[in-house]
């Protein structure tokens, strides 16, 4: 049953937050405005439904930059509490309340078990980091990010309602489209994270580009399966906007991830029982669609005057003289080698890592200097350093299970709705895993609650089909 008062409360909350944000930006009074923002947030929290709060959480995390969100935050002991943290915590409180009265009970699932193990290991890594005297702020950031995976459990609770799933998926789609538009606008406006390179043109360095991929796959599968509620022309334009944003992000790993995710999703689709099995000609048609998408995205960003075809070509081979001379790639290799050298010093460290906050020291050829940092480009190497081989394997099993589970669901599903969801998850999980090989998006960034939600979607449709 829909609560119209709750709908109005959520809408008013969004409007008030938007007004406060605008005032803060244009009057340069972000810190003064934050107190009022918190008051309105709490007012909305007591009246709005959990799925509406979750929608607000996804919208805030996806659309707003890390720097902006940090401007609206306070410290509670070693923990930095921001807008998204308040929303997430309140959703957990509501779920715990439902758990106590018997309505929030969650069935045991493979993804849930792995997430619990991963979070427990992260807690031990946090404690070890504190005991070892590493920087508390750094250890806290790592822990808070991994705790986001616990969002899987309230997400499973909310997804019992089909209407809630529609609300949250719509929010993800709209928010990722807005994030793509914002990345393109930053290319025009300049500012933090916007660079102009002689060899490869404009670059917009933004974490939001990683989550745009998820929205891109969702829109692509909705159009692919001809869902009538999605208009064709606006949908295609949205795909090209997202593609242009990904191009501006200048991450070759992400380009590869999108390509691989698209091919795996299409492979799952043409392997469906009701589709007549695998055919080589259909594979070629799907590859052709990826080519059309790539060409369309390049044409879009070129027509916008942000990048040229030559700029994109220069990026694909490395802006510093091809892959063999790409200093950013060599910097990653050197950091990974230092991690391997560090954890192999004794069997305990190899299995359980150094704890959160440990800094590795290595030479950065892109900076021409030695650095000591706790952050590593590469999610699995990050966990290898902090949680050891056991942590990296748990993360690998979690995402491998997501890819395999969604692939099987796509092949076996008999409804269009579940097919769309399974294909979306197949492409997204594949892309995230590949991008995480050289980036830190599934361990260091704030989007882990969104990844947890995706695992909840998988387990929900799998449970209903079993």
Protein backbone atom coordinates (compact mmCIF):
# COMPACT_ATOMS: atom_id res chain seq x y z
CA UNK A 1 0.00 0.00 0.00
CA UNK A 2 1.44 3.37 -1.02
CA UNK A 3 1.69 6.06 1.66
CA UNK A 4 1.10 9.39 -0.11
CA UNK A 5 2.26 11.36 2.95
CA UNK A 6 5.58 9.46 2.82
CA UNK A 7 5.92 10.25 -0.89
CA UNK A 8 5.40 13.96 -0.22
CA UNK A 9 7.86 13.90 2.69
CA UNK A 10 10.57 12.32 0.53
CA UNK A 11 9.95 14.86 -2.25
CA UNK A 12 10.07 17.77 0.18
CA UNK A 13 13.30 16.36 1.62
CA UNK A 14 14.91 16.31 -1.83
CA UNK A 15 13.77 19.88 -2.55
CA UNK A 16 15.02 21.22 0.78
CA UNK A 17 18.38 19.50 0.38
CA UNK A 18 18.67 20.96 -3.13
CA UNK A 19 17.90 24.46 -1.83
CA UNK A 20 20.42 24.17 0.99
CA UNK A 21 23.08 22.84 -1.34
CA UNK A 22 22.49 25.72 -3.79
CA UNK A 23 22.70 28.29 -0.97
CA UNK A 24 25.89 26.70 0.32
CA UNK A 25 27.54 26.72 -3.11
CA UNK A 26 26.62 30.26 -4.12
CA UNK A 27 27.27 31.88 -0.72
CA UNK A 28 30.41 29.89 0.11
CA UNK A 29 28.89 28.83 3.45
CA UNK A 30 28.89 25.05 3.18
CA UNK A 31 29.83 24.43 6.79
CA UNK A 32 27.17 26.83 8.14
CA UNK A 33 24.50 25.28 5.97
CA UNK A 34 25.41 21.71 6.97
CA UNK A 35 23.76 22.03 10.41
CA UNK A 36 20.43 22.97 8.82
CA UNK A 37 20.84 20.18 6.29
CA UNK A 38 21.26 17.59 9.05
CA UNK A 39 18.10 18.84 10.79
CA UNK A 40 16.01 18.44 7.63
CA UNK A 41 17.55 15.03 6.97
CA UNK A 42 16.59 13.76 10.41
CA UNK A 43 13.08 15.16 10.02
CA UNK A 44 12.71 13.24 6.77
CA UNK A 45 14.21 10.10 8.29
CA UNK A 46 11.49 9.79 10.91
CA UNK A 47 8.68 10.09 8.36
CA UNK A 48 9.90 8.60 5.07
CA UNK A 49 9.91 4.91 4.15
CA UNK A 50 13.23 2.98 3.96
CA UNK A 51 13.17 2.62 0.14
CA UNK A 52 12.75 6.38 -0.20
CA UNK A 53 15.70 6.89 2.14
CA UNK A 54 17.71 4.38 0.12
CA UNK A 55 16.78 6.26 -3.06
CA UNK A 56 18.03 9.46 -1.46
CA UNK A 57 21.23 7.66 -0.38
CA UNK A 58 21.99 6.43 -3.90
CA UNK A 59 21.20 9.81 -5.39
CA UNK A 60 23.49 11.65 -2.97
CA UNK A 61 26.38 9.20 -3.37
CA UNK A 62 26.24 8.96 -7.15
CA UNK A 63 25.58 12.58 -8.10
CA UNK A 64 27.71 14.49 -5.61
CA UNK A 65 31.50 14.37 -5.61
CA UNK A 66 33.63 13.08 -2.74
CA UNK A 67 34.94 16.58 -1.98
CA UNK A 68 31.44 18.01 -1.85
CA UNK A 69 30.14 15.28 0.48
CA UNK A 70 33.15 15.71 2.78
CA UNK A 71 32.23 19.37 3.15
CA UNK A 72 29.01 18.27 4.89
CA UNK A 73 30.53 15.97 7.48
CA UNK A 74 31.45 15.84 11.16
CA UNK A 75 33.66 13.55 13.21
CA UNK A 76 32.22 11.05 15.69
CA UNK A 77 35.38 9.74 17.34
CA UNK A 78 37.61 8.39 14.56
CA UNK A 79 34.70 8.22 12.09
CA UNK A 80 33.82 10.98 9.63
CA UNK A 81 30.02 11.09 9.38
CA UNK A 82 28.56 12.61 6.23
CA UNK A 83 25.13 12.96 4.63
CA UNK A 84 25.30 9.54 3.00
CA UNK A 85 26.50 7.94 6.25
CA UNK A 86 23.54 9.38 8.16
CA UNK A 87 21.10 8.02 5.59
CA UNK A 88 22.76 4.63 5.54
CA UNK A 89 22.88 4.38 9.34
CA UNK A 90 19.22 5.26 9.66
CA UNK A 91 18.23 2.60 7.12
CA UNK A 92 20.19 0.08 9.21
CA UNK A 93 18.32 1.20 12.36
CA UNK A 94 14.99 0.74 10.60
CA UNK A 95 16.02 -2.72 9.39
CA UNK A 96 17.22 -3.73 12.86
CA UNK A 97 13.85 -2.59 14.23
CA UNK A 98 12.10 -4.75 11.64
CA UNK A 99 14.44 -7.61 12.52
CA UNK A 100 13.46 -7.36 16.18
CA UNK A 101 9.74 -7.52 15.42
CA UNK A 102 10.24 -10.46 13.08
CA UNK A 103 9.58 -8.77 9.71
CA UNK A 104 13.20 -8.11 8.76
CA UNK A 105 14.52 -11.68 8.88
CA UNK A 106 16.85 -12.47 5.96
CA UNK A 107 17.38 -15.96 4.57
CA UNK A 108 20.96 -17.20 4.35
CA UNK A 109 22.52 -16.69 0.91
CA UNK A 110 25.93 -17.29 -0.64
CA UNK A 111 26.55 -13.59 -1.18
CA UNK A 112 25.48 -12.74 2.36
CA UNK A 113 27.85 -15.29 3.91
CA UNK A 114 30.82 -14.00 1.91
CA UNK A 115 29.96 -10.39 2.78
CA UNK A 116 29.86 -11.21 6.51
CA UNK A 117 33.26 -12.95 6.27
CA UNK A 118 34.71 -10.00 4.33
CA UNK A 119 33.44 -7.43 6.84
CA UNK A 120 34.71 -9.44 9.83
CA UNK A 121 38.14 -9.59 8.20
CA UNK A 122 37.97 -5.82 7.61
CA UNK A 123 37.15 -5.24 11.30
CA UNK A 124 40.21 -7.26 12.35
CA UNK A 125 42.35 -5.32 9.85
CA UNK A 126 41.05 -2.07 11.36
CA UNK A 127 41.88 -3.21 14.92
CA UNK A 128 45.32 -4.38 13.84
CA UNK A 129 45.95 -1.02 12.20
CA UNK A 130 45.01 0.84 15.39
CA UNK A 131 47.17 -1.43 17.55
CA UNK A 132 50.10 -0.98 15.16
CA UNK A 133 49.83 2.80 15.44
CA UNK A 134 48.90 3.50 11.81
CA UNK A 135 46.98 6.67 10.95
CA UNK A 136 43.49 6.40 12.42
CA UNK A 137 41.87 8.51 9.69
CA UNK A 138 43.20 6.23 6.97
CA UNK A 139 42.21 3.01 8.75
CA UNK A 140 38.75 4.42 9.38
CA UNK A 141 38.17 5.32 5.73
CA UNK A 142 39.07 1.79 4.64
CA UNK A 143 36.80 0.22 7.27
CA UNK A 144 33.85 2.51 6.54
CA UNK A 145 34.03 1.66 2.87
CA UNK A 146 34.00 -2.09 3.51
CA UNK A 147 31.16 -1.74 6.02
CA UNK A 148 29.10 -0.49 3.09
CA UNK A 149 28.78 -4.09 1.91
CA UNK A 150 26.56 -4.75 4.95
CA UNK A 151 23.90 -2.72 3.10
CA UNK A 152 23.19 -6.07 1.44
CA UNK A 153 20.97 -7.06 4.40
CA UNK A 154 18.61 -4.04 4.60
CA UNK A 155 18.53 -4.12 0.78
CA UNK A 156 17.29 -7.74 0.88
CA UNK A 157 14.63 -6.63 3.34
CA UNK A 158 13.47 -3.74 1.13
CA UNK A 159 13.53 -5.80 -2.07
CA UNK A 160 10.80 -8.10 -0.84
CA UNK A 161 8.49 -5.55 -2.44
CA UNK A 162 8.60 -5.36 -6.22
CA UNK A 163 7.62 -1.69 -6.01
CA UNK A 164 10.69 -0.95 -3.89
CA UNK A 165 12.97 -2.56 -6.44
CA UNK A 166 11.46 -0.38 -9.16
CA UNK A 167 11.98 2.76 -7.04
CA UNK A 168 15.65 1.98 -6.39
CA UNK A 169 16.47 0.87 -9.93
CA UNK A 170 14.84 4.03 -11.31
CA UNK A 171 16.89 6.10 -8.86
CA UNK A 172 20.12 4.41 -9.99
CA UNK A 173 19.27 5.00 -13.64
CA UNK A 174 18.41 8.69 -13.17
CA UNK A 175 21.34 9.36 -10.82
CA UNK A 176 23.92 7.77 -13.12
CA UNK A 177 22.54 9.74 -16.07
CA UNK A 178 22.87 12.96 -14.03
CA UNK A 179 26.40 11.97 -13.02
CA UNK A 180 27.28 11.48 -16.70
CA UNK A 181 25.88 14.91 -17.55
CA UNK A 182 27.79 16.47 -14.65
CA UNK A 183 31.08 14.91 -15.81
CA UNK A 184 30.55 16.39 -19.28
CA UNK A 185 29.67 19.79 -17.81
CA UNK A 186 32.85 19.70 -15.74
CA UNK A 187 34.71 19.35 -19.02
CA UNK A 188 33.32 22.74 -20.03
CA UNK A 189 33.50 24.44 -16.65
CA UNK A 190 36.94 23.16 -15.56
CA UNK A 191 37.95 23.10 -11.92
CA UNK A 192 39.14 20.32 -9.64
CA UNK A 193 39.95 17.06 -11.40
CA UNK A 194 39.85 18.56 -14.92
CA UNK A 195 43.12 18.37 -16.90
CA UNK A 196 44.17 19.27 -20.41
CA UNK A 197 46.98 17.06 -21.76
CA UNK A 198 48.91 17.87 -24.91
CA UNK A 199 48.96 14.28 -26.16
CA UNK A 200 45.45 13.08 -25.25
CA UNK A 201 43.29 16.15 -24.71
CA UNK A 202 40.79 16.83 -21.94
CA UNK A 203 40.43 14.54 -18.96
CA UNK A 204 37.84 14.69 -16.17
CA UNK A 205 39.10 12.71 -13.21
CA UNK A 206 35.98 11.69 -11.30
CA UNK A 207 35.08 8.64 -9.22
CA UNK A 208 31.49 8.96 -10.38
CA UNK A 209 32.52 7.69 -13.81
CA UNK A 210 32.89 4.20 -12.31
CA UNK A 211 29.26 4.05 -11.26
CA UNK A 212 28.05 5.52 -14.58
CA UNK A 213 28.96 2.13 -16.07
CA UNK A 214 26.27 0.47 -13.95
CA UNK A 215 23.61 2.87 -15.20
CA UNK A 216 24.83 2.39 -18.76
CA UNK A 217 24.29 -1.38 -18.58
CA UNK A 218 20.86 -0.96 -17.00
CA UNK A 219 19.70 1.41 -19.73
CA UNK A 220 21.25 -0.76 -22.45
CA UNK A 221 19.44 -3.89 -21.27
CA UNK A 222 16.13 -2.07 -20.88
CA UNK A 223 16.41 -0.89 -24.49
CA UNK A 224 17.74 -4.26 -25.70
CA UNK A 225 14.70 -6.09 -24.31
CA UNK A 226 12.39 -3.37 -25.61
CA UNK A 227 10.84 -2.39 -22.27
CA UNK A 228 8.01 -0.10 -23.41
CA UNK A 229 8.27 2.26 -20.45
CA UNK A 230 11.72 3.37 -21.67
CA UNK A 231 11.48 5.81 -24.63
CA UNK A 232 13.82 4.77 -27.46
CA UNK A 233 15.34 8.09 -28.57
CA UNK A 234 15.92 9.57 -25.08
CA UNK A 235 17.30 6.18 -24.01
CA UNK A 236 19.83 6.09 -26.86
CA UNK A 237 20.87 9.68 -26.16
CA UNK A 238 21.37 8.75 -22.49
CA UNK A 239 23.61 5.86 -23.55
CA UNK A 240 25.77 8.18 -25.63
CA UNK A 241 25.96 10.73 -22.78
CA UNK A 242 27.15 7.99 -20.44
CA UNK A 243 29.60 6.73 -23.06
CA UNK A 244 30.97 10.24 -23.50
CA UNK A 245 31.42 10.59 -19.73
CA UNK A 246 33.35 7.30 -19.63
CA UNK A 247 35.56 8.48 -22.49
CA UNK A 248 36.32 11.72 -20.63
CA UNK A 249 37.32 9.68 -17.59
CA UNK A 250 40.37 8.46 -19.55
CA UNK A 251 40.49 5.04 -17.91
CA UNK A 252 41.55 2.40 -20.42
CA UNK A 253 40.77 -0.25 -17.82
CA UNK A 254 37.19 1.02 -17.63
CA UNK A 255 36.89 0.99 -21.44
CA UNK A 256 38.03 -2.63 -21.45
CA UNK A 257 35.66 -3.38 -18.58
CA UNK A 258 32.64 -1.97 -20.45
CA UNK A 259 33.54 -3.94 -23.58
CA UNK A 260 34.00 -7.19 -21.67
CA UNK A 261 30.85 -6.66 -19.61
CA UNK A 262 28.81 -5.98 -22.74
CA UNK A 263 30.11 -9.09 -24.52
CA UNK A 264 29.47 -11.34 -21.50
CA UNK A 265 25.94 -9.98 -21.12
CA UNK A 266 25.21 -10.48 -24.81
CA UNK A 267 26.74 -13.96 -24.64
CA UNK A 268 24.38 -14.81 -21.78
CA UNK A 269 21.44 -13.41 -23.74
CA UNK A 270 22.08 -15.45 -26.87
CA UNK A 271 22.69 -18.60 -24.78
CA UNK A 272 19.17 -18.45 -23.38
CA UNK A 273 17.09 -21.58 -23.82
CA UNK A 274 14.22 -19.77 -25.55
CA UNK A 275 16.64 -18.02 -27.93
CA UNK A 276 17.64 -21.22 -29.73
CA UNK A 277 21.18 -21.55 -28.35
CA UNK A 278 24.49 -20.08 -29.43
CA UNK A 279 24.95 -18.83 -33.00
CA UNK A 280 28.10 -17.23 -34.34
CA UNK A 281 26.18 -14.75 -36.47
CA UNK A 282 24.35 -13.42 -33.42
CA UNK A 283 27.67 -12.96 -31.63
CA UNK A 284 28.89 -10.83 -34.54
CA UNK A 285 25.71 -8.75 -34.36
CA UNK A 286 26.35 -8.03 -30.68
CA UNK A 287 29.95 -7.07 -31.34
CA UNK A 288 28.65 -4.74 -34.05
CA UNK A 289 26.32 -3.11 -31.51
CA UNK A 290 29.27 -2.47 -29.18
CA UNK A 291 31.16 -0.91 -32.08
CA UNK A 292 28.15 1.30 -32.89
CA UNK A 293 27.96 2.36 -29.23
CA UNK A 294 31.69 3.18 -29.14
CA UNK A 295 31.54 5.13 -32.40
CA UNK A 296 28.39 6.95 -31.28
CA UNK A 297 29.96 7.93 -27.94
CA UNK A 298 33.10 9.19 -29.68
CA UNK A 299 30.99 11.13 -32.17
CA UNK A 300 28.97 12.62 -29.29
CA UNK A 301 31.99 13.81 -27.33
CA UNK A 302 33.63 15.08 -30.54
CA UNK A 303 30.53 17.00 -31.56
CA UNK A 304 30.47 18.52 -28.08
CA UNK A 305 33.97 19.89 -28.73
CA UNK A 306 35.51 18.08 -25.74
CA UNK A 307 37.66 15.44 -27.44
CA UNK A 308 38.83 14.65 -30.95
CA UNK A 309 39.11 11.22 -32.53
CA UNK A 310 42.89 11.63 -32.30
CA UNK A 311 42.66 12.28 -28.55
CA UNK A 312 40.70 9.06 -28.01
CA UNK A 313 43.15 7.11 -30.17
CA UNK A 314 46.09 8.52 -28.19
CA UNK A 315 44.50 7.43 -24.92
CA UNK A 316 43.89 3.88 -26.08
CA UNK A 317 47.61 3.34 -26.52
CA UNK A 318 48.77 5.36 -23.54
CA UNK A 319 49.42 9.06 -23.57
CA UNK A 320 53.05 8.58 -22.63
CA UNK A 321 54.32 6.59 -25.57
CA UNK A 322 52.16 3.48 -25.72
CA UNK A 323 51.66 0.77 -23.11
CA UNK A 324 55.39 -0.02 -22.90
CA UNK A 325 56.11 3.58 -21.93
CA UNK A 326 52.96 4.32 -19.91
CA UNK A 327 54.36 5.58 -16.60
CA UNK A 328 51.03 5.26 -14.78
CA UNK A 329 50.95 1.57 -15.68
CA UNK A 330 54.54 1.10 -14.52
CA UNK A 331 53.69 2.89 -11.27
CA UNK A 332 50.99 0.31 -10.62
CA UNK A 333 53.39 -2.55 -11.37
CA UNK A 334 55.95 -1.14 -8.95
CA UNK A 335 53.34 -0.72 -6.19
CA UNK A 336 52.08 -4.27 -6.71
CA UNK A 337 55.62 -5.61 -6.56
CA UNK A 338 56.17 -3.77 -3.27
CA UNK A 339 52.95 -5.26 -1.88
CA UNK A 340 54.02 -8.78 -2.86
CA UNK A 341 57.45 -8.19 -1.31
CA UNK A 342 55.81 -6.87 1.88
CA UNK A 343 53.27 -9.63 2.48
CA UNK A 344 55.64 -12.48 1.65
CA UNK A 345 57.98 -11.56 4.50
CA UNK A 346 56.21 -14.08 6.75
CA UNK A 347 53.33 -16.60 6.42
CA UNK A 348 50.98 -14.69 8.76
CA UNK A 349 51.22 -11.47 6.74
CA UNK A 350 50.75 -13.41 3.51
CA UNK A 351 47.51 -14.91 4.82
CA UNK A 352 46.09 -11.97 6.80
CA UNK A 353 47.91 -8.85 5.58
CA UNK A 354 49.30 -5.86 7.42
CA UNK A 355 46.09 -4.33 8.73
CA UNK A 356 44.54 -1.05 7.58
CA UNK A 357 46.75 2.02 7.42
CA UNK A 358 50.05 0.37 6.50
CA UNK A 359 52.04 2.50 4.04
CA UNK A 360 54.14 1.05 1.25
CA UNK A 361 57.15 2.98 -0.06
CA UNK A 362 58.05 2.76 -3.72
CA UNK A 363 59.26 4.85 -6.65
CA UNK A 364 56.58 6.60 -8.75
CA UNK A 365 57.94 7.10 -12.29
CA UNK A 366 55.01 9.42 -13.08
CA UNK A 367 56.10 11.71 -10.21
CA UNK A 368 59.86 10.98 -10.42
CA UNK A 369 60.02 10.50 -6.66
CA UNK A 370 59.55 7.97 -3.86
CA UNK A 371 56.20 7.99 -2.08
CA UNK A 372 54.82 6.38 1.07
CA UNK A 373 51.07 5.81 0.76
CA UNK A 374 48.45 3.37 2.08
CA UNK A 375 46.25 3.54 -1.03
CA UNK A 376 46.84 1.22 -3.97
CA UNK A 377 45.39 1.20 -7.49
CA UNK A 378 43.87 -2.25 -7.67
CA UNK A 379 41.19 -3.57 -5.30
CA UNK A 380 42.57 -7.08 -5.05
CA UNK A 381 46.10 -5.84 -4.35
CA UNK A 382 44.70 -3.40 -1.79
CA UNK A 383 43.13 -6.31 0.09
CA UNK A 384 46.24 -8.41 -0.40
CA UNK A 385 48.17 -5.70 1.46
CA UNK A 386 45.63 -5.12 4.25
CA UNK A 387 43.75 -8.43 4.60
CA UNK A 388 46.23 -10.80 2.99
CA UNK A 389 45.62 -13.54 0.47
CA UNK A 390 42.53 -14.69 2.39
CA UNK A 391 40.85 -11.30 1.98
CA UNK A 392 41.63 -11.09 -1.74
CA UNK A 393 40.21 -14.57 -2.28
CA UNK A 394 36.97 -13.78 -0.41
CA UNK A 395 36.48 -10.67 -2.56
CA UNK A 396 37.27 -12.68 -5.70
CA UNK A 397 34.78 -15.41 -4.73
CA UNK A 398 32.11 -12.78 -4.02
CA UNK A 399 32.37 -11.16 -7.45
CA UNK A 400 32.97 -14.42 -9.31
CA UNK A 401 29.78 -15.69 -7.69
CA UNK A 402 27.99 -12.53 -8.79
CA UNK A 403 29.09 -12.97 -12.41
CA UNK A 404 28.35 -16.71 -12.53
CA UNK A 405 25.05 -16.41 -10.64
CA UNK A 406 23.69 -13.59 -12.79
CA UNK A 407 24.86 -15.35 -15.98
CA UNK A 408 23.00 -18.53 -15.02
CA UNK A 409 19.94 -16.49 -14.07
CA UNK A 410 20.00 -14.72 -17.46
CA UNK A 411 20.19 -18.05 -19.29
CA UNK A 412 17.36 -19.68 -17.31
CA UNK A 413 15.00 -16.76 -16.65
CA UNK A 414 11.54 -17.02 -18.18
CA UNK A 415 10.32 -13.46 -17.53
CA UNK A 416 11.47 -10.34 -19.36
CA UNK A 417 11.85 -8.43 -16.10
CA UNK A 418 14.21 -10.96 -14.52
CA UNK A 419 16.08 -11.36 -17.80
CA UNK A 420 16.78 -7.62 -17.91
CA UNK A 421 17.95 -7.62 -14.29
CA UNK A 422 20.16 -10.68 -14.78
CA UNK A 423 21.76 -9.31 -17.95
CA UNK A 424 22.33 -5.96 -16.23
CA UNK A 425 24.02 -7.67 -13.30
CA UNK A 426 26.11 -9.91 -15.56
CA UNK A 427 27.51 -6.97 -17.48
CA UNK A 428 27.94 -4.78 -14.40
CA UNK A 429 29.63 -7.37 -12.17
CA UNK A 430 31.99 -8.28 -15.02
CA UNK A 431 32.86 -4.64 -15.68
CA UNK A 432 33.38 -3.84 -12.00
CA UNK A 433 35.65 -6.86 -11.50
CA UNK A 434 37.82 -6.06 -14.51
CA UNK A 435 38.06 -2.36 -13.65
CA UNK A 436 38.95 -3.31 -10.06
CA UNK A 437 42.06 -5.14 -11.28
CA UNK A 438 43.78 -1.78 -11.77
CA UNK A 439 41.45 0.52 -9.82
CA UNK A 440 40.06 0.60 -6.29
CA UNK A 441 36.36 1.09 -6.96
CA UNK A 442 35.12 -2.02 -5.08
CA UNK A 443 37.25 -1.51 -1.96
CA UNK A 444 38.22 2.16 -1.50
CA UNK A 445 35.30 4.16 -2.90
CA UNK A 446 31.98 5.06 -1.27
CA UNK A 447 29.86 3.03 -3.72
CA UNK A 448 30.13 -0.30 -1.88
CA UNK A 449 26.54 -0.01 -0.60
CA UNK A 450 25.43 0.19 -4.24
CA UNK A 451 27.46 -2.91 -5.12
CA UNK A 452 25.87 -4.63 -2.08
CA UNK A 453 22.43 -3.63 -3.38
CA UNK A 454 23.24 -5.30 -6.70
CA UNK A 455 24.12 -8.54 -4.91
CA UNK A 456 20.80 -8.24 -3.06
CA UNK A 457 18.97 -7.91 -6.40
CA UNK A 458 20.68 -11.09 -7.61
CA UNK A 459 19.82 -13.07 -4.48
CA UNK A 460 16.23 -11.77 -4.52
CA UNK A 461 15.46 -12.87 -8.06
CA UNK A 462 17.37 -16.11 -7.50
CA UNK A 463 15.35 -16.83 -4.36
CA UNK A 464 12.02 -16.14 -6.08
CA UNK A 465 12.94 -18.43 -8.99
CA UNK A 466 14.14 -21.33 -6.85
